[in-house]
Amino acid sequence: LTAEEEGRFAFVGATERLEPDGGIVAVCDVGGGSTELVVGTVLLGPAWVRSADIGSLRLTRVCLNADRAGTKAVDRARQIVARELEEFDAPQVDVALAVGGSARAAAKIAGRRLGREELEDVITMSSRTPPAKLARAFGFDAARAETVLAGAIILSAVLFALMHRMPG
């Protein structure tokens, strides 16, 4: 699949059960190698699709591959993500959804709602806790535990960009 096709499929799957008049929706899919952000409406489908060449596995390999990532590694990861997401000048949205393994893993740690505070809690916990311990505590596999920190950093950056475009 192309990045655009992958994003469009993520959007359709994420919005399948939403009401048609739910406003403008953003769907973020953090994969292992890339991140897609898609904006559209339930009724008309995706209208705006972007892909960044940064995903949870790629970011982990670049700067977060230790048992405990220190503040410097997390800061470096945030800088890398910010640089990669510079082209994500998304339209204003009414609601934002996250899909994929990174979102599911973060939700196991923080709960169903992944707002700024919740994602920062995931970043803090996963940067201080060895992946094997995270996997046991929250019931996901070891490979996912190794990338949950990177996924949460990416989701947090996308949410931050979107929040500056959301009403209220």
Protein backbone atom coordinates (compact mmCIF):
# COMPACT_ATOMS: atom_id res chain seq x y z
CA LEU A 1 0.00 0.00 0.00
CA THR A 2 1.07 3.57 -0.55
CA ALA A 3 1.15 5.89 2.45
CA GLU A 4 -1.94 7.64 1.13
CA GLU A 5 -3.85 4.36 0.73
CA GLU A 6 -2.80 3.27 4.20
CA GLY A 7 -4.01 6.57 5.65
CA ARG A 8 -7.32 6.39 3.80
CA PHE A 9 -7.97 2.84 5.07
CA ALA A 10 -7.14 3.93 8.63
CA PHE A 11 -9.57 6.85 8.30
CA VAL A 12 -12.42 4.70 7.00
CA GLY A 13 -11.90 2.09 9.72
CA ALA A 14 -11.66 4.64 12.53
CA THR A 15 -14.73 6.60 11.47
CA GLU A 16 -16.95 3.66 10.55
CA ARG A 17 -19.13 3.95 13.68
CA LEU A 18 -19.21 7.74 13.95
CA GLU A 19 -22.31 9.77 13.12
CA PRO A 20 -22.22 11.30 9.62
CA ASP A 21 -22.64 14.81 11.03
CA GLY A 22 -19.71 14.45 13.46
CA GLY A 23 -17.76 17.33 11.97
CA ILE A 24 -14.24 17.30 10.66
CA VAL A 25 -12.25 14.32 11.91
CA ALA A 26 -8.49 13.72 12.08
CA VAL A 27 -7.19 10.16 12.23
CA CYS A 28 -3.56 9.47 13.15
CA ASP A 29 -1.98 6.09 12.47
CA VAL A 30 1.50 5.65 13.93
CA GLY A 31 3.12 2.67 12.27
CA GLY A 32 6.55 1.19 12.73
CA GLY A 33 8.17 3.13 9.92
CA SER A 34 5.80 6.00 9.18
CA THR A 35 2.98 8.09 10.57
CA GLU A 36 -0.13 8.98 8.61
CA LEU A 37 -2.51 11.82 9.42
CA VAL A 38 -5.80 11.99 7.55
CA VAL A 39 -8.51 14.65 7.83
CA GLY A 40 -12.01 14.48 6.42
CA THR A 41 -15.64 13.86 7.29
CA VAL A 42 -17.58 10.66 7.79
CA LEU A 43 -19.96 11.58 4.98
CA LEU A 44 -17.37 12.62 2.36
CA GLY A 45 -14.38 10.58 3.52
CA PRO A 46 -10.71 11.61 3.61
CA ALA A 47 -9.90 15.00 2.09
CA TRP A 48 -6.37 15.68 3.37
CA VAL A 49 -3.68 12.98 3.75
CA ARG A 50 -0.07 13.33 4.88
CA SER A 51 2.62 10.81 5.75
CA ALA A 52 5.82 11.38 7.70
CA ASP A 53 8.84 9.13 7.44
CA ILE A 54 8.91 8.49 11.19
CA GLY A 55 7.25 5.65 13.07
CA SER A 56 7.59 4.04 16.46
CA LEU A 57 10.10 1.38 15.44
CA ARG A 58 12.22 3.77 13.38
CA LEU A 59 12.30 6.37 16.20
CA THR A 60 13.14 3.69 18.77
CA ARG A 61 16.09 2.49 16.67
CA VAL A 62 17.38 6.03 16.15
CA CYS A 63 17.44 7.20 19.76
CA LEU A 64 15.35 5.22 22.28
CA ASN A 65 16.71 1.68 22.25
CA ALA A 66 17.80 1.43 25.89
CA ASP A 67 15.97 -0.20 28.80
CA ARG A 68 15.36 3.24 30.23
CA ALA A 69 15.44 6.31 28.03
CA GLY A 70 16.79 9.35 29.80
CA THR A 71 15.61 12.92 29.45
CA LYS A 72 18.20 13.65 26.75
CA ALA A 73 17.04 10.73 24.60
CA VAL A 74 13.39 11.74 24.98
CA ASP A 75 14.21 15.35 24.12
CA ARG A 76 16.16 14.22 21.06
CA ALA A 77 13.24 12.02 19.99
CA ARG A 78 10.84 14.96 20.36
CA GLN A 79 13.12 17.11 18.18
CA ILE A 80 13.31 14.45 15.48
CA VAL A 81 9.53 14.04 15.47
CA ALA A 82 8.94 17.80 15.36
CA ARG A 83 11.24 18.07 12.35
CA GLU A 84 9.51 15.18 10.56
CA LEU A 85 6.03 16.58 11.24
CA GLU A 86 6.78 20.11 9.99
CA GLU A 87 4.80 19.38 6.82
CA PHE A 88 1.72 18.33 8.82
CA ASP A 89 -0.11 21.64 8.48
CA ALA A 90 -3.50 20.00 8.95
CA PRO A 91 -6.82 21.75 8.52
CA GLN A 92 -8.81 22.64 11.63
CA VAL A 93 -10.60 19.61 13.07
CA ASP A 94 -13.42 18.98 15.52
CA VAL A 95 -12.26 15.61 16.80
CA ALA A 96 -9.01 13.60 16.67
CA LEU A 97 -8.70 9.81 16.76
CA ALA A 98 -5.64 7.58 17.02
CA VAL A 99 -5.48 4.07 15.59
CA GLY A 100 -2.93 1.28 15.44
CA GLY A 101 -0.67 -0.55 17.83
CA SER A 102 0.98 2.51 19.39
CA ALA A 103 -2.41 4.00 20.24
CA ARG A 104 -3.67 0.69 21.68
CA ALA A 105 -0.53 0.26 23.81
CA ALA A 106 -0.70 3.86 25.08
CA ALA A 107 -4.37 3.36 25.92
CA LYS A 108 -3.55 0.26 27.96
CA ILE A 109 -1.29 2.43 30.08
CA ALA A 110 -3.30 5.67 30.23
CA GLY A 111 -6.88 4.69 29.52
CA ARG A 112 -9.13 5.18 26.52
CA ARG A 113 -8.71 8.95 26.25
CA LEU A 114 -5.27 9.98 24.98
CA GLY A 115 -5.08 13.71 25.65
CA ARG A 116 -1.91 15.71 26.28
CA GLU A 117 -1.69 14.80 29.98
CA GLU A 118 -2.35 11.13 29.36
CA LEU A 119 0.28 10.92 26.63
CA GLU A 120 2.82 12.73 28.79
CA ASP A 121 2.09 10.19 31.56
CA VAL A 122 2.74 7.36 29.08
CA ILE A 123 5.99 9.02 28.00
CA THR A 124 7.13 9.44 31.60
CA MET A 125 6.23 5.90 32.64
CA SER A 126 7.63 4.20 29.54
CA SER A 127 10.87 6.18 29.66
CA ARG A 128 11.47 5.06 33.26
CA THR A 129 10.28 1.45 33.05
CA PRO A 130 12.12 -1.36 31.27
CA PRO A 131 10.10 -2.70 28.32
CA ALA A 132 9.84 -6.22 29.79
CA LYS A 133 8.26 -4.81 32.95
CA LEU A 134 5.83 -2.67 30.90
CA ALA A 135 4.84 -5.72 28.87
CA ARG A 136 4.06 -7.73 31.99
CA ALA A 137 2.24 -4.90 33.76
CA PHE A 138 0.01 -3.90 30.86
CA GLY A 139 -0.34 -7.12 28.89
CA PHE A 140 1.29 -6.38 25.57
CA ASP A 141 4.09 -8.19 23.82
CA ALA A 142 7.76 -7.36 24.30
CA ALA A 143 8.17 -5.85 20.82
CA ARG A 144 5.31 -3.40 21.45
CA ALA A 145 6.72 -2.56 24.87
CA GLU A 146 10.00 -1.54 23.23
CA THR A 147 8.26 0.97 20.95
CA VAL A 148 5.46 2.36 23.13
CA LEU A 149 7.61 5.32 24.23
CA ALA A 150 8.33 6.33 20.64
CA GLY A 151 4.69 5.88 19.68
CA ALA A 152 3.53 8.09 22.55
CA ILE A 153 6.06 10.79 21.61
CA ILE A 154 4.77 10.80 18.03
CA LEU A 155 1.10 10.81 19.09
CA SER A 156 1.80 13.66 21.51
CA ALA A 157 3.44 15.74 18.77
CA VAL A 158 0.57 15.15 16.35
CA LEU A 159 -1.98 16.01 19.03
CA PHE A 160 -0.09 19.18 19.90
CA ALA A 161 -0.15 20.26 16.25
CA LEU A 162 -3.85 19.48 15.95
CA MET A 163 -4.81 21.22 19.20
CA HIS A 164 -3.63 24.49 17.74
CA ARG A 165 -6.19 23.96 14.99
CA MET A 166 -9.14 22.69 17.07
CA PRO A 167 -12.01 24.98 18.07
CA GLY A 168 -12.23 25.98 21.72
